[in-house]
Each structure stands twice: as C-alpha cells, then as structure tokens.
Amino acid sequence: MPEKATERRAKAALRRGKKPTTAAGEYVREEIEHVRRGKHGARSTKQAIAIGLSKARRAGIPLKPPKKGQASRRTRRSAEAAYEVGQRKRKPRAPSRRRSTASKGALEREGKSAASRRALSSQARRSASRRRSRR
C-alpha cells in the first residue's frame, strides 16, 4: 500500500502537467526508501524499480505498459493488469494470503544493497546508455 504523502506528491505532479513517468518516480522513490530502511530487500535495483512502477500503475497513474519487444511477455501482462486496475477497467483482487506471505518473505530475505547509491547510479548509467544507442 503506497503512503499517503507519495500519492499526494504524484497526483500533484500530474496536476502540474508533468508526464506520468515523473509521477511514477515518486512510487519508485518510496520503494527504494523501503529497501534502504529495511522494510524488505530486493534482488536488484531493477526489481525495486519494477515494484515501484507496479504500485504506481495500481494507484491510478496513467503509465502505459511496455510495448511488445520492450519487455518480456510476462512483464507486459503483469503491467497491463496493474494498469487496468489503476484505470478501473479491472477489479482489484487481493492475492491469496499464502502467496502474499511467500512473496513478502522472499523479499525480506533479499539484500539491501540494491538501493545503495552505487547500485542506483550504475543502473541509471546503464539505462541512459541504452537510450543513447537507440537514437
């Protein structure tokens, strides 16, 4: 469940006319903070970012799912489902208690270094270099 302050900042960004990715960044930031504070871990920086983006989509940020070829089929389908929940085109369903406990336990066993400055910096550089090579 996203924090109220995160939702408030994201909605304010959208009202100011910022792009959905900017608003979604608030949720990613919240997730990075969760990993840093030890609420749970993440296997990689990418995983922490993905959790934040999923939260943003489910919270109603109009962040489109990735197009075909940009991400795996599984990722796309998950993003589409989250997007539809956020846009009220699909009913949100609570995951089974056993499944949510298992995934929470798995995240808690992961390390915290995915949210370090060094890990975030190298992830940002990698993704920026991919953007540059596409032009």
Protein backbone atom coordinates (compact mmCIF):
# COMPACT_ATOMS: atom_id res chain seq x y z
CA MET A 1 0.00 0.00 0.00
CA PRO A 2 1.55 3.33 -1.02
CA GLU A 3 1.99 6.04 1.59
CA LYS A 4 -0.41 9.00 1.51
CA ALA A 5 2.41 11.50 1.02
CA THR A 6 3.64 9.59 -2.05
CA GLU A 7 0.14 9.56 -3.57
CA ARG A 8 -0.24 13.28 -2.83
CA ARG A 9 3.07 14.18 -4.50
CA ALA A 10 2.35 12.01 -7.54
CA LYS A 11 -1.14 13.45 -8.07
CA ALA A 12 0.25 16.98 -7.66
CA ALA A 13 2.84 16.28 -10.36
CA LEU A 14 0.09 15.12 -12.74
CA ARG A 15 -1.98 18.23 -11.98
CA ARG A 16 1.03 20.39 -12.83
CA GLY A 17 1.11 18.71 -16.23
CA LYS A 18 4.15 16.51 -15.66
CA LYS A 19 4.41 13.23 -17.53
CA PRO A 20 3.14 10.00 -15.92
CA THR A 21 6.72 8.71 -15.64
CA THR A 22 7.56 11.65 -13.37
CA ALA A 23 4.59 10.88 -11.13
CA ALA A 24 5.53 7.18 -11.12
CA GLY A 25 9.01 8.19 -9.96
CA GLU A 26 7.50 9.08 -6.58
CA TYR A 27 6.44 5.46 -6.10
CA VAL A 28 9.85 4.20 -7.21
CA ARG A 29 11.47 6.57 -4.71
CA GLU A 30 9.21 5.22 -1.97
CA GLU A 31 10.20 1.64 -2.84
CA ILE A 32 13.91 2.50 -2.78
CA GLU A 33 13.37 4.01 0.67
CA HIS A 34 11.61 0.83 1.84
CA VAL A 35 14.63 -1.22 0.80
CA ARG A 36 17.03 1.24 2.44
CA ARG A 37 15.10 1.31 5.71
CA GLY A 38 14.92 -2.49 5.79
CA LYS A 39 11.18 -2.96 5.28
CA HIS A 40 12.21 -5.56 2.69
CA GLY A 41 15.09 -6.18 0.31
CA ALA A 42 15.43 -6.51 -3.46
CA ARG A 43 17.50 -8.80 -5.62
CA SER A 44 18.45 -5.93 -7.90
CA THR A 45 17.84 -2.25 -8.44
CA LYS A 46 15.68 -3.18 -11.44
CA GLN A 47 13.42 -5.23 -9.15
CA ALA A 48 12.95 -2.32 -6.75
CA ILE A 49 12.10 -0.04 -9.68
CA ALA A 50 9.65 -2.61 -11.10
CA ILE A 51 7.83 -2.87 -7.76
CA GLY A 52 7.52 0.93 -7.63
CA LEU A 53 6.17 1.13 -11.20
CA SER A 54 3.63 -1.59 -10.49
CA LYS A 55 2.46 0.29 -7.39
CA ALA A 56 2.13 3.47 -9.45
CA ARG A 57 0.03 1.75 -12.11
CA ARG A 58 -2.25 0.19 -9.50
CA ALA A 59 -2.62 3.57 -7.77
CA GLY A 60 -4.03 5.12 -10.95
CA ILE A 61 -1.01 6.79 -12.52
CA PRO A 62 -1.68 6.59 -16.28
CA LEU A 63 1.67 4.91 -17.01
CA LYS A 64 1.26 2.77 -20.12
CA PRO A 65 2.57 -0.81 -20.04
CA PRO A 66 5.68 -1.52 -22.15
CA LYS A 67 5.14 -2.24 -25.86
CA LYS A 68 5.82 -5.58 -27.48
CA GLY A 69 9.56 -6.17 -27.76
CA GLN A 70 10.43 -3.80 -24.92
CA ALA A 71 9.85 -6.30 -22.13
CA SER A 72 9.08 -9.98 -21.71
CA ARG A 73 5.54 -11.24 -22.26
CA ARG A 74 5.15 -11.96 -18.56
CA THR A 75 6.23 -8.44 -17.58
CA ARG A 76 3.93 -6.88 -20.17
CA ARG A 77 0.93 -8.90 -19.00
CA SER A 78 1.62 -8.00 -15.37
CA ALA A 79 1.96 -4.31 -16.26
CA GLU A 80 -1.24 -4.43 -18.31
CA ALA A 81 -3.15 -5.97 -15.40
CA ALA A 82 -1.80 -3.36 -12.96
CA TYR A 83 -2.65 -0.56 -15.41
CA GLU A 84 -6.22 -1.83 -15.83
CA VAL A 85 -6.70 -2.00 -12.06
CA GLY A 86 -5.50 1.60 -11.74
CA GLN A 87 -7.72 2.79 -14.57
CA ARG A 88 -10.73 1.00 -13.03
CA LYS A 89 -11.10 -1.34 -16.03
CA ARG A 90 -10.46 -4.39 -13.85
CA LYS A 91 -11.46 -5.20 -10.30
CA PRO A 92 -8.51 -5.32 -7.90
CA ARG A 93 -8.24 -8.79 -6.43
CA ALA A 94 -6.46 -9.46 -3.19
CA PRO A 95 -3.75 -12.09 -3.67
CA SER A 96 -4.13 -15.25 -1.64
CA ARG A 97 -2.75 -14.95 1.87
CA ARG A 98 -0.31 -17.79 1.26
CA ARG A 99 1.05 -16.17 -1.91
CA SER A 100 1.45 -12.68 -0.43
CA THR A 101 3.15 -14.11 2.68
CA ALA A 102 5.52 -16.10 0.48
CA SER A 103 6.45 -13.14 -1.73
CA LYS A 104 6.90 -10.84 1.27
CA GLY A 105 9.11 -13.46 2.94
CA ALA A 106 11.17 -13.83 -0.23
CA LEU A 107 11.68 -10.06 -0.47
CA GLU A 108 12.67 -9.86 3.19
CA ARG A 109 15.41 -12.44 2.59
CA GLU A 110 16.91 -10.38 -0.22
CA GLY A 111 19.76 -7.95 0.34
CA LYS A 112 19.59 -4.21 0.85
CA SER A 113 22.46 -3.21 -1.44
CA ALA A 114 20.12 -2.86 -4.44
CA ALA A 115 19.14 0.57 -3.10
CA SER A 116 22.67 1.82 -2.48
CA ARG A 117 23.87 4.99 -4.22
CA ARG A 118 26.36 2.93 -6.20
CA ALA A 119 23.75 0.42 -7.44
CA LEU A 120 21.28 3.18 -8.37
CA SER A 121 24.00 5.15 -10.14
CA SER A 122 25.17 2.20 -12.24
CA GLN A 123 21.55 1.30 -13.09
CA ALA A 124 20.88 4.89 -14.21
CA ARG A 125 24.02 4.93 -16.34
CA ARG A 126 23.17 1.59 -17.95
CA SER A 127 19.66 2.69 -18.81
CA ALA A 128 20.88 6.07 -20.12
CA SER A 129 23.44 4.37 -22.37
CA ARG A 130 20.68 2.18 -23.82
CA ARG A 131 18.61 5.28 -24.55
CA ARG A 132 21.56 6.96 -26.30
CA SER A 133 22.26 3.96 -28.52
CA ARG A 134 18.62 3.84 -29.69
CA ARG A 135 18.82 7.23 -31.41
